[in-house]
Amino acid sequence: MVITVGLLVAALIGIYLINIHCIFVDPEDHPYNRYR
């Protein structure tokens, strides 16, 4: 159980950091905007 929670938190943090990185680097070329 602890391992599952740890992986989930790590995935959420990774996605959050990637989104922040994309927003600061190039807002117009954000992956979510491109695929939506």
PDB file of N, CA and C in Angstrom:
ATOM      1  N   MET A   1       0.842  -1.206   0.000  1.00  0.00           N
ATOM      2  CA  MET A   1       0.000   0.000   0.000  1.00  0.00           C
ATOM      3  C   MET A   1       0.867   1.242   0.000  1.00  0.00           C
ATOM      4  N   VAL A   2       1.887   1.236   0.825  1.00  0.00           N
ATOM      5  CA  VAL A   2       2.755   2.413   0.896  1.00  0.00           C
ATOM      6  C   VAL A   2       3.439   2.654  -0.449  1.00  0.00           C
ATOM      7  N   ILE A   3       3.856   1.565  -1.096  1.00  0.00           N
ATOM      8  CA  ILE A   3       4.537   1.708  -2.385  1.00  0.00           C
ATOM      9  C   ILE A   3       3.583   2.293  -3.430  1.00  0.00           C
ATOM     10  N   THR A   4       2.338   1.834  -3.416  1.00  0.00           N
ATOM     11  CA  THR A   4       1.361   2.345  -4.392  1.00  0.00           C
ATOM     12  C   THR A   4       1.132   3.833  -4.195  1.00  0.00           C
ATOM     13  N   VAL A   5       0.964   4.256  -2.949  1.00  0.00           N
ATOM     14  CA  VAL A   5       0.747   5.680  -2.661  1.00  0.00           C
ATOM     15  C   VAL A   5       1.974   6.487  -3.079  1.00  0.00           C
ATOM     16  N   GLY A   6       3.152   5.956  -2.809  1.00  0.00           N
ATOM     17  CA  GLY A   6       4.384   6.657  -3.170  1.00  0.00           C
ATOM     18  C   GLY A   6       4.491   6.848  -4.676  1.00  0.00           C
ATOM     19  N   LEU A   7       4.155   5.813  -5.430  1.00  0.00           N
ATOM     20  CA  LEU A   7       4.212   5.924  -6.894  1.00  0.00           C
ATOM     21  C   LEU A   7       3.183   6.926  -7.398  1.00  0.00           C
ATOM     22  N   LEU A   8       2.002   6.923  -6.809  1.00  0.00           N
ATOM     23  CA  LEU A   8       0.959   7.860  -7.230  1.00  0.00           C
ATOM     24  C   LEU A   8       1.397   9.297  -6.979  1.00  0.00           C
ATOM     25  N   VAL A   9       1.932   9.557  -5.787  1.00  0.00           N
ATOM     26  CA  VAL A   9       2.398  10.900  -5.458  1.00  0.00           C
ATOM     27  C   VAL A   9       3.532  11.312  -6.400  1.00  0.00           C
ATOM     28  N   ALA A  10       4.465  10.389  -6.655  1.00  0.00           N
ATOM     29  CA  ALA A  10       5.587  10.696  -7.543  1.00  0.00           C
ATOM     30  C   ALA A  10       5.083  11.031  -8.947  1.00  0.00           C
ATOM     31  N   ALA A  11       4.089  10.290  -9.430  1.00  0.00           N
ATOM     32  CA  ALA A  11       3.533  10.550 -10.765  1.00  0.00           C
ATOM     33  C   ALA A  11       2.865  11.923 -10.808  1.00  0.00           C
ATOM     34  N   LEU A  12       2.096  12.246  -9.765  1.00  0.00           N
ATOM     35  CA  LEU A  12       1.416  13.546  -9.736  1.00  0.00           C
ATOM     36  C   LEU A  12       2.428  14.681  -9.700  1.00  0.00           C
ATOM     37  N   ILE A  13       3.482  14.539  -8.891  1.00  0.00           N
ATOM     38  CA  ILE A  13       4.507  15.574  -8.816  1.00  0.00           C
ATOM     39  C   ILE A  13       5.209  15.717 -10.163  1.00  0.00           C
ATOM     40  N   GLY A  14       5.494  14.575 -10.809  1.00  0.00           N
ATOM     41  CA  GLY A  14       6.163  14.619 -12.106  1.00  0.00           C
ATOM     42  C   GLY A  14       5.315  15.341 -13.148  1.00  0.00           C
ATOM     43  N   ILE A  15       4.020  15.019 -13.188  1.00  0.00           N
ATOM     44  CA  ILE A  15       3.121  15.678 -14.143  1.00  0.00           C
ATOM     45  C   ILE A  15       3.049  17.172 -13.842  1.00  0.00           C
ATOM     46  N   TYR A  16       2.950  17.525 -12.552  1.00  0.00           N
ATOM     47  CA  TYR A  16       2.868  18.937 -12.151  1.00  0.00           C
ATOM     48  C   TYR A  16       4.115  19.696 -12.599  1.00  0.00           C
ATOM     49  N   LEU A  17       5.288  19.105 -12.354  1.00  0.00           N
ATOM     50  CA  LEU A  17       6.528  19.775 -12.733  1.00  0.00           C
ATOM     51  C   LEU A  17       6.636  19.906 -14.252  1.00  0.00           C
ATOM     52  N   ILE A  18       6.217  18.878 -14.980  1.00  0.00           N
ATOM     53  CA  ILE A  18       6.275  18.940 -16.447  1.00  0.00           C
ATOM     54  C   ILE A  18       5.345  20.046 -16.954  1.00  0.00           C
ATOM     55  N   ASN A  19       4.151  20.161 -16.370  1.00  0.00           N
ATOM     56  CA  ASN A  19       3.208  21.196 -16.795  1.00  0.00           C
ATOM     57  C   ASN A  19       3.787  22.576 -16.517  1.00  0.00           C
ATOM     58  N   ILE A  20       4.353  22.785 -15.334  1.00  0.00           N
ATOM     59  CA  ILE A  20       4.953  24.076 -14.993  1.00  0.00           C
ATOM     60  C   ILE A  20       6.083  24.385 -15.968  1.00  0.00           C
ATOM     61  N   HIS A  21       6.907  23.395 -16.273  1.00  0.00           N
ATOM     62  CA  HIS A  21       8.029  23.585 -17.200  1.00  0.00           C
ATOM     63  C   HIS A  21       7.512  24.016 -18.572  1.00  0.00           C
ATOM     64  N   CYS A  22       6.476  23.333 -19.074  1.00  0.00           N
ATOM     65  CA  CYS A  22       5.932  23.660 -20.396  1.00  0.00           C
ATOM     66  C   CYS A  22       5.315  25.057 -20.387  1.00  0.00           C
ATOM     67  N   ILE A  23       4.607  25.392 -19.321  1.00  0.00           N
ATOM     68  CA  ILE A  23       3.953  26.704 -19.256  1.00  0.00           C
ATOM     69  C   ILE A  23       5.003  27.811 -19.279  1.00  0.00           C
ATOM     70  N   PHE A  24       6.090  27.641 -18.539  1.00  0.00           N
ATOM     71  CA  PHE A  24       7.102  28.693 -18.480  1.00  0.00           C
ATOM     72  C   PHE A  24       7.943  28.754 -19.750  1.00  0.00           C
ATOM     73  N   VAL A  25       8.183  27.593 -20.368  1.00  0.00           N
ATOM     74  CA  VAL A  25       9.036  27.576 -21.558  1.00  0.00           C
ATOM     75  C   VAL A  25       8.285  28.116 -22.773  1.00  0.00           C
ATOM     76  N   ASP A  26       7.081  27.605 -23.035  1.00  0.00           N
ATOM     77  CA  ASP A  26       6.340  28.039 -24.223  1.00  0.00           C
ATOM     78  C   ASP A  26       4.847  27.774 -24.035  1.00  0.00           C
ATOM     79  N   PRO A  27       4.097  28.735 -23.524  1.00  0.00           N
ATOM     80  CA  PRO A  27       2.669  28.539 -23.239  1.00  0.00           C
ATOM     81  C   PRO A  27       1.878  28.148 -24.487  1.00  0.00           C
ATOM     82  N   GLU A  28       2.274  28.669 -25.650  1.00  0.00           N
ATOM     83  CA  GLU A  28       1.511  28.398 -26.867  1.00  0.00           C
ATOM     84  C   GLU A  28       1.696  26.958 -27.339  1.00  0.00           C
ATOM     85  N   ASP A  29       2.785  26.312 -26.918  1.00  0.00           N
ATOM     86  CA  ASP A  29       3.084  24.959 -27.391  1.00  0.00           C
ATOM     87  C   ASP A  29       2.883  23.938 -26.275  1.00  0.00           C
ATOM     88  N   HIS A  30       1.927  24.252 -25.384  1.00  0.00           N
ATOM     89  CA  HIS A  30       1.672  23.350 -24.271  1.00  0.00           C
ATOM     90  C   HIS A  30       1.047  22.062 -24.798  1.00  0.00           C
ATOM     91  N   PRO A  31       1.556  20.893 -24.354  1.00  0.00           N
ATOM     92  CA  PRO A  31       1.075  19.597 -24.874  1.00  0.00           C
ATOM     93  C   PRO A  31      -0.442  19.433 -24.751  1.00  0.00           C
ATOM     94  N   TYR A  32      -1.030  19.823 -23.601  1.00  0.00           N
ATOM     95  CA  TYR A  32      -2.462  19.625 -23.416  1.00  0.00           C
ATOM     96  C   TYR A  32      -3.259  20.490 -24.385  1.00  0.00           C
ATOM     97  N   ASN A  33      -2.780  21.700 -24.653  1.00  0.00           N
ATOM     98  CA  ASN A  33      -3.479  22.551 -25.609  1.00  0.00           C
ATOM     99  C   ASN A  33      -3.356  21.970 -27.014  1.00  0.00           C
ATOM    100  N   ARG A  34      -2.233  21.354 -27.314  1.00  0.00           N
ATOM    101  CA  ARG A  34      -1.988  20.821 -28.650  1.00  0.00           C
ATOM    102  C   ARG A  34      -2.870  19.609 -28.918  1.00  0.00           C
ATOM    103  N   TYR A  35      -3.047  18.745 -27.904  1.00  0.00           N
ATOM    104  CA  TYR A  35      -3.792  17.506 -28.123  1.00  0.00           C
ATOM    105  C   TYR A  35      -5.298  17.693 -27.965  1.00  0.00           C
ATOM    106  N   ARG A  36      -5.715  18.806 -27.352  1.00  0.00           N
ATOM    107  CA  ARG A  36      -7.145  18.965 -27.101  1.00  0.00           C
ATOM    108  C   ARG A  36      -7.845  19.574 -28.310  1.00  0.00           C
TER     109      ARG A  36
END
